[in-house]
Amino acid sequence: MRKFRSNRRAGPLHASAVALLLFGVTVPAHAITRIRGDLTPCAEIQRILRDEGAVVIRFPSKRIPDYFLYDRYVSPHYFCVPPEVPVTRRINSADNPRCVVHRCERVEPLFNLFDRN
């Protein structure tokens, strides 16, 4: 069998694709910040959301002593993957019992225009 060699060299598109792949593999993933909501001031929570886009907030359970619950809150402009949308929630922070944050949630439409039933 005869083998054929290509005289074509890698073009700029091929080289940039390889560079992008190597860059994506070597860059470490950014860890999400985790904080205690009841010990952090509302302004600090808002700053973290503005600067980082998302934060995991832990808070103590009201029913079980020494047990913590958590949820992921996001900036209202980023980090929700469709069909999820940012929904306004209020949490208890160190200085504000109704600190406004957003959480990604799947929202069902009021009317399904494609329902045949």
N, C-alpha and C. Protein backbone atom coordinates (compact mmCIF):
# COMPACT_ATOMS: atom_id res chain seq x y z
N MET A 1 0.83 -1.18 0.00
CA MET A 1 0.00 0.00 0.00
C MET A 1 0.87 1.24 0.00
N ARG A 2 0.42 2.17 -0.69
CA ARG A 2 1.16 3.39 -0.80
C ARG A 2 0.54 4.47 0.10
N LYS A 3 1.37 5.16 0.88
CA LYS A 3 0.87 6.20 1.76
C LYS A 3 1.13 7.55 1.12
N PHE A 4 0.16 8.41 1.26
CA PHE A 4 0.28 9.75 0.70
C PHE A 4 0.53 10.73 1.83
N ARG A 5 1.40 11.65 1.57
CA ARG A 5 1.66 12.72 2.53
C ARG A 5 1.10 14.02 1.99
N SER A 6 0.55 14.74 2.89
CA SER A 6 0.03 16.04 2.49
C SER A 6 1.13 17.09 2.61
N ASN A 7 1.23 17.94 1.64
CA ASN A 7 2.20 19.03 1.68
C ASN A 7 1.62 20.27 2.35
N ARG A 8 0.38 20.17 2.81
CA ARG A 8 -0.26 21.33 3.44
C ARG A 8 0.22 21.46 4.87
N ARG A 9 0.49 22.66 5.25
CA ARG A 9 0.87 22.93 6.63
C ARG A 9 -0.35 23.43 7.38
N ALA A 10 -0.25 23.37 8.69
CA ALA A 10 -1.36 23.85 9.51
C ALA A 10 -1.54 25.34 9.29
N GLY A 11 -2.74 25.72 8.93
CA GLY A 11 -3.03 27.13 8.69
C GLY A 11 -3.26 27.87 10.00
N PRO A 12 -3.48 29.16 9.93
CA PRO A 12 -3.69 29.96 11.14
C PRO A 12 -4.93 29.54 11.91
N LEU A 13 -5.96 29.08 11.22
CA LEU A 13 -7.17 28.64 11.91
C LEU A 13 -6.89 27.38 12.71
N HIS A 14 -6.16 26.46 12.14
CA HIS A 14 -5.84 25.22 12.83
C HIS A 14 -4.94 25.50 14.03
N ALA A 15 -3.96 26.36 13.88
CA ALA A 15 -3.05 26.69 14.97
C ALA A 15 -3.79 27.40 16.10
N SER A 16 -4.70 28.29 15.76
CA SER A 16 -5.45 28.99 16.82
C SER A 16 -6.39 28.04 17.54
N ALA A 17 -6.95 27.06 16.84
CA ALA A 17 -7.82 26.08 17.49
C ALA A 17 -7.02 25.23 18.48
N VAL A 18 -5.82 24.85 18.11
CA VAL A 18 -4.96 24.08 19.02
C VAL A 18 -4.58 24.93 20.23
N ALA A 19 -4.23 26.19 20.00
CA ALA A 19 -3.88 27.09 21.10
C ALA A 19 -5.05 27.28 22.05
N LEU A 20 -6.25 27.43 21.50
CA LEU A 20 -7.45 27.58 22.33
C LEU A 20 -7.71 26.33 23.15
N LEU A 21 -7.52 25.18 22.56
CA LEU A 21 -7.71 23.92 23.28
C LEU A 21 -6.70 23.80 24.40
N LEU A 22 -5.44 24.10 24.14
CA LEU A 22 -4.42 24.02 25.18
C LEU A 22 -4.66 25.04 26.29
N PHE A 23 -5.10 26.24 25.91
CA PHE A 23 -5.38 27.26 26.92
C PHE A 23 -6.54 26.84 27.80
N GLY A 24 -7.58 26.27 27.20
CA GLY A 24 -8.74 25.83 27.96
C GLY A 24 -8.42 24.69 28.90
N VAL A 25 -7.48 23.85 28.54
CA VAL A 25 -7.12 22.71 29.39
C VAL A 25 -6.22 23.15 30.54
N THR A 26 -5.37 24.14 30.32
CA THR A 26 -4.39 24.50 31.34
C THR A 26 -4.89 25.55 32.34
N VAL A 27 -5.97 26.27 32.02
CA VAL A 27 -6.47 27.30 32.93
C VAL A 27 -7.36 26.65 33.98
N PRO A 28 -7.07 26.86 35.27
CA PRO A 28 -7.90 26.25 36.30
C PRO A 28 -9.28 26.89 36.36
N ALA A 29 -10.25 26.12 36.80
CA ALA A 29 -11.61 26.63 36.93
C ALA A 29 -11.70 27.56 38.15
N HIS A 30 -12.51 28.57 38.03
CA HIS A 30 -12.69 29.53 39.12
C HIS A 30 -13.66 28.94 40.14
N ALA A 31 -13.24 28.87 41.39
CA ALA A 31 -14.10 28.34 42.44
C ALA A 31 -15.11 29.40 42.86
N ILE A 32 -16.31 28.97 43.16
CA ILE A 32 -17.36 29.90 43.57
C ILE A 32 -17.18 30.23 45.05
N THR A 33 -17.40 31.48 45.40
CA THR A 33 -17.27 31.94 46.78
C THR A 33 -18.41 31.39 47.62
N ARG A 34 -18.08 30.96 48.83
CA ARG A 34 -19.08 30.47 49.78
C ARG A 34 -19.04 31.33 51.03
N ILE A 35 -20.21 31.81 51.47
CA ILE A 35 -20.26 32.67 52.64
C ILE A 35 -21.43 32.27 53.54
N ARG A 36 -21.38 32.72 54.79
CA ARG A 36 -22.50 32.58 55.72
C ARG A 36 -23.38 33.80 55.56
N GLY A 37 -24.60 33.62 55.13
CA GLY A 37 -25.50 34.73 54.89
C GLY A 37 -25.87 35.50 56.13
N ASP A 38 -26.06 34.81 57.25
CA ASP A 38 -26.48 35.48 58.47
C ASP A 38 -25.35 36.23 59.16
N LEU A 39 -24.10 36.02 58.73
CA LEU A 39 -22.95 36.72 59.32
C LEU A 39 -22.34 37.77 58.39
N THR A 40 -22.85 37.86 57.16
CA THR A 40 -22.30 38.76 56.15
C THR A 40 -23.27 39.92 55.90
N PRO A 41 -22.79 41.16 55.90
CA PRO A 41 -23.67 42.30 55.60
C PRO A 41 -24.22 42.24 54.18
N CYS A 42 -25.39 42.80 54.00
CA CYS A 42 -26.05 42.78 52.69
C CYS A 42 -25.19 43.45 51.62
N ALA A 43 -24.53 44.55 51.96
CA ALA A 43 -23.69 45.25 50.98
C ALA A 43 -22.54 44.36 50.50
N GLU A 44 -21.98 43.55 51.39
CA GLU A 44 -20.90 42.63 51.01
C GLU A 44 -21.42 41.54 50.08
N ILE A 45 -22.61 41.02 50.37
CA ILE A 45 -23.23 40.01 49.49
C ILE A 45 -23.45 40.61 48.11
N GLN A 46 -23.98 41.83 48.05
CA GLN A 46 -24.22 42.50 46.77
C GLN A 46 -22.91 42.74 46.02
N ARG A 47 -21.84 43.10 46.73
CA ARG A 47 -20.54 43.33 46.09
C ARG A 47 -20.00 42.04 45.48
N ILE A 48 -20.10 40.94 46.21
CA ILE A 48 -19.62 39.65 45.68
C ILE A 48 -20.41 39.26 44.44
N LEU A 49 -21.71 39.44 44.49
CA LEU A 49 -22.54 39.12 43.32
C LEU A 49 -22.17 40.00 42.13
N ARG A 50 -21.92 41.27 42.38
CA ARG A 50 -21.54 42.18 41.29
C ARG A 50 -20.18 41.82 40.71
N ASP A 51 -19.20 41.51 41.59
CA ASP A 51 -17.84 41.25 41.14
C ASP A 51 -17.66 39.85 40.55
N GLU A 52 -18.29 38.85 41.14
CA GLU A 52 -18.05 37.47 40.73
C GLU A 52 -19.20 36.85 39.94
N GLY A 53 -20.40 37.42 40.06
CA GLY A 53 -21.53 36.91 39.29
C GLY A 53 -22.36 35.86 40.01
N ALA A 54 -21.76 35.10 40.93
CA ALA A 54 -22.50 34.07 41.64
C ALA A 54 -21.83 33.81 42.99
N VAL A 55 -22.61 33.33 43.96
CA VAL A 55 -22.10 33.02 45.29
C VAL A 55 -22.98 31.93 45.90
N VAL A 56 -22.38 31.06 46.69
CA VAL A 56 -23.14 30.08 47.46
C VAL A 56 -23.28 30.64 48.86
N ILE A 57 -24.52 30.78 49.30
CA ILE A 57 -24.80 31.34 50.62
C ILE A 57 -25.33 30.24 51.53
N ARG A 58 -24.63 30.07 52.67
CA ARG A 58 -25.07 29.10 53.68
C ARG A 58 -25.82 29.84 54.77
N PHE A 59 -26.80 29.16 55.34
CA PHE A 59 -27.54 29.75 56.45
C PHE A 59 -28.02 28.62 57.35
N PRO A 60 -28.16 28.89 58.67
CA PRO A 60 -28.56 27.84 59.60
C PRO A 60 -30.02 27.44 59.40
N SER A 61 -30.29 26.16 59.59
CA SER A 61 -31.65 25.66 59.49
C SER A 61 -32.47 26.17 60.67
N LYS A 62 -33.74 26.48 60.44
CA LYS A 62 -34.62 26.92 61.52
C LYS A 62 -35.16 25.74 62.31
N ARG A 63 -35.16 24.55 61.73
CA ARG A 63 -35.75 23.38 62.40
C ARG A 63 -34.72 22.47 63.06
N ILE A 64 -33.53 22.36 62.48
CA ILE A 64 -32.53 21.43 62.99
C ILE A 64 -31.33 22.22 63.51
N PRO A 65 -31.03 22.12 64.81
CA PRO A 65 -29.89 22.87 65.34
C PRO A 65 -28.56 22.39 64.74
N ASP A 66 -27.62 23.31 64.55
CA ASP A 66 -26.28 23.03 64.01
C ASP A 66 -26.31 22.38 62.63
N TYR A 67 -27.34 22.67 61.85
CA TYR A 67 -27.46 22.14 60.49
C TYR A 67 -27.57 23.33 59.54
N PHE A 68 -26.80 23.30 58.46
CA PHE A 68 -26.78 24.42 57.53
C PHE A 68 -27.41 24.02 56.20
N LEU A 69 -28.12 24.97 55.64
CA LEU A 69 -28.68 24.84 54.29
C LEU A 69 -27.93 25.82 53.41
N TYR A 70 -27.98 25.62 52.10
CA TYR A 70 -27.28 26.52 51.19
C TYR A 70 -28.01 26.60 49.87
N ASP A 71 -27.71 27.66 49.14
CA ASP A 71 -28.25 27.83 47.80
C ASP A 71 -27.31 28.72 47.01
N ARG A 72 -27.43 28.66 45.70
CA ARG A 72 -26.59 29.46 44.81
C ARG A 72 -27.39 30.66 44.34
N TYR A 73 -26.83 31.84 44.56
CA TYR A 73 -27.46 33.08 44.15
C TYR A 73 -26.59 33.74 43.09
N VAL A 74 -27.23 34.49 42.19
CA VAL A 74 -26.52 35.02 41.02
C VAL A 74 -26.81 36.50 40.83
N SER A 75 -25.96 37.12 40.05
CA SER A 75 -26.22 38.47 39.57
C SER A 75 -27.41 38.39 38.62
N PRO A 76 -28.30 39.37 38.62
CA PRO A 76 -29.49 39.24 37.77
C PRO A 76 -29.20 39.26 36.27
N HIS A 77 -27.98 39.60 35.87
CA HIS A 77 -27.67 39.71 34.44
C HIS A 77 -26.87 38.53 33.90
N TYR A 78 -26.42 37.62 34.77
CA TYR A 78 -25.53 36.56 34.32
C TYR A 78 -25.86 35.23 34.99
N PHE A 79 -25.30 34.18 34.47
CA PHE A 79 -25.20 32.88 35.11
C PHE A 79 -26.48 32.06 35.17
N CYS A 80 -27.54 32.43 34.50
CA CYS A 80 -28.71 31.57 34.40
C CYS A 80 -28.74 30.98 32.99
N VAL A 81 -28.87 29.67 32.93
CA VAL A 81 -28.90 28.97 31.65
C VAL A 81 -30.35 28.76 31.25
N PRO A 82 -30.76 29.18 30.05
CA PRO A 82 -32.15 28.98 29.64
C PRO A 82 -32.52 27.51 29.72
N PRO A 83 -33.68 27.17 30.16
CA PRO A 83 -34.88 27.98 30.36
C PRO A 83 -35.00 28.61 31.74
N GLU A 84 -33.92 28.66 32.51
CA GLU A 84 -33.99 29.29 33.82
C GLU A 84 -33.84 30.80 33.69
N VAL A 85 -34.45 31.51 34.63
CA VAL A 85 -34.37 32.97 34.68
C VAL A 85 -34.06 33.39 36.11
N PRO A 86 -33.44 34.57 36.30
CA PRO A 86 -33.19 35.03 37.67
C PRO A 86 -34.49 35.48 38.34
N VAL A 87 -34.76 34.92 39.52
CA VAL A 87 -35.96 35.25 40.28
C VAL A 87 -35.52 35.93 41.57
N THR A 88 -36.17 37.02 41.92
CA THR A 88 -35.82 37.79 43.11
C THR A 88 -36.19 37.02 44.37
N ARG A 89 -35.25 36.96 45.30
CA ARG A 89 -35.45 36.35 46.61
C ARG A 89 -34.93 37.31 47.67
N ARG A 90 -35.41 37.14 48.88
CA ARG A 90 -34.92 37.93 50.01
C ARG A 90 -34.37 36.98 51.06
N ILE A 91 -33.16 37.28 51.52
CA ILE A 91 -32.52 36.42 52.52
C ILE A 91 -32.19 37.25 53.76
N ASN A 92 -31.92 36.58 54.84
CA ASN A 92 -31.55 37.21 56.09
C ASN A 92 -30.03 37.39 56.11
N SER A 93 -29.57 38.65 56.08
CA SER A 93 -28.14 38.92 56.17
C SER A 93 -27.84 39.47 57.55
N ALA A 94 -26.60 39.80 57.82
CA ALA A 94 -26.20 40.27 59.15
C ALA A 94 -26.86 41.59 59.53
N ASP A 95 -27.10 42.45 58.55
CA ASP A 95 -27.66 43.77 58.86
C ASP A 95 -29.02 44.04 58.25
N ASN A 96 -29.54 43.11 57.45
CA ASN A 96 -30.80 43.34 56.76
C ASN A 96 -31.58 42.02 56.68
N PRO A 97 -32.74 41.92 57.31
CA PRO A 97 -33.50 40.67 57.25
C PRO A 97 -34.15 40.42 55.89
N ARG A 98 -34.08 41.39 54.98
CA ARG A 98 -34.69 41.23 53.66
C ARG A 98 -33.72 41.67 52.56
N CYS A 99 -32.52 41.11 52.58
CA CYS A 99 -31.50 41.44 51.58
C CYS A 99 -31.90 40.83 50.23
N VAL A 100 -31.95 41.65 49.19
CA VAL A 100 -32.42 41.21 47.88
C VAL A 100 -31.29 40.52 47.11
N VAL A 101 -31.56 39.30 46.66
CA VAL A 101 -30.65 38.52 45.83
C VAL A 101 -31.48 37.86 44.72
N HIS A 102 -30.82 37.16 43.81
CA HIS A 102 -31.51 36.47 42.73
C HIS A 102 -31.05 35.02 42.66
N ARG A 103 -31.97 34.13 42.33
CA ARG A 103 -31.66 32.71 42.18
C ARG A 103 -32.21 32.23 40.84
N CYS A 104 -31.45 31.38 40.16
CA CYS A 104 -31.91 30.84 38.88
C CYS A 104 -33.00 29.81 39.13
N GLU A 105 -34.13 30.00 38.48
CA GLU A 105 -35.24 29.06 38.62
C GLU A 105 -35.90 28.85 37.27
N ARG A 106 -36.44 27.67 37.09
CA ARG A 106 -37.21 27.38 35.89
C ARG A 106 -38.62 27.90 36.11
N VAL A 107 -39.07 28.76 35.23
CA VAL A 107 -40.39 29.37 35.35
C VAL A 107 -41.28 28.78 34.27
N GLU A 108 -42.40 28.25 34.69
CA GLU A 108 -43.36 27.70 33.74
C GLU A 108 -44.20 28.84 33.15
N PRO A 109 -44.47 28.81 31.85
CA PRO A 109 -45.27 29.87 31.25
C PRO A 109 -46.72 29.82 31.75
N LEU A 110 -47.37 30.97 31.79
CA LEU A 110 -48.76 31.00 32.20
C LEU A 110 -49.67 30.31 31.19
N PHE A 111 -49.34 30.48 29.91
CA PHE A 111 -50.11 29.86 28.85
C PHE A 111 -49.17 29.10 27.93
N ASN A 112 -49.55 27.86 27.61
CA ASN A 112 -48.78 27.08 26.66
C ASN A 112 -49.46 27.18 25.31
N LEU A 113 -48.87 27.95 24.42
CA LEU A 113 -49.50 28.18 23.10
C LEU A 113 -49.46 26.97 22.20
N PHE A 114 -48.61 26.00 22.53
CA PHE A 114 -48.45 24.84 21.66
C PHE A 114 -49.17 23.61 22.20
N ASP A 115 -49.92 23.76 23.27
CA ASP A 115 -50.65 22.63 23.86
C ASP A 115 -51.88 22.36 23.01
N ARG A 116 -52.04 21.12 22.56
CA ARG A 116 -53.16 20.74 21.68
C ARG A 116 -54.35 20.19 22.46
N ASN A 117 -54.27 20.09 23.77
CA ASN A 117 -55.38 19.51 24.54
C ASN A 117 -56.48 20.50 24.80
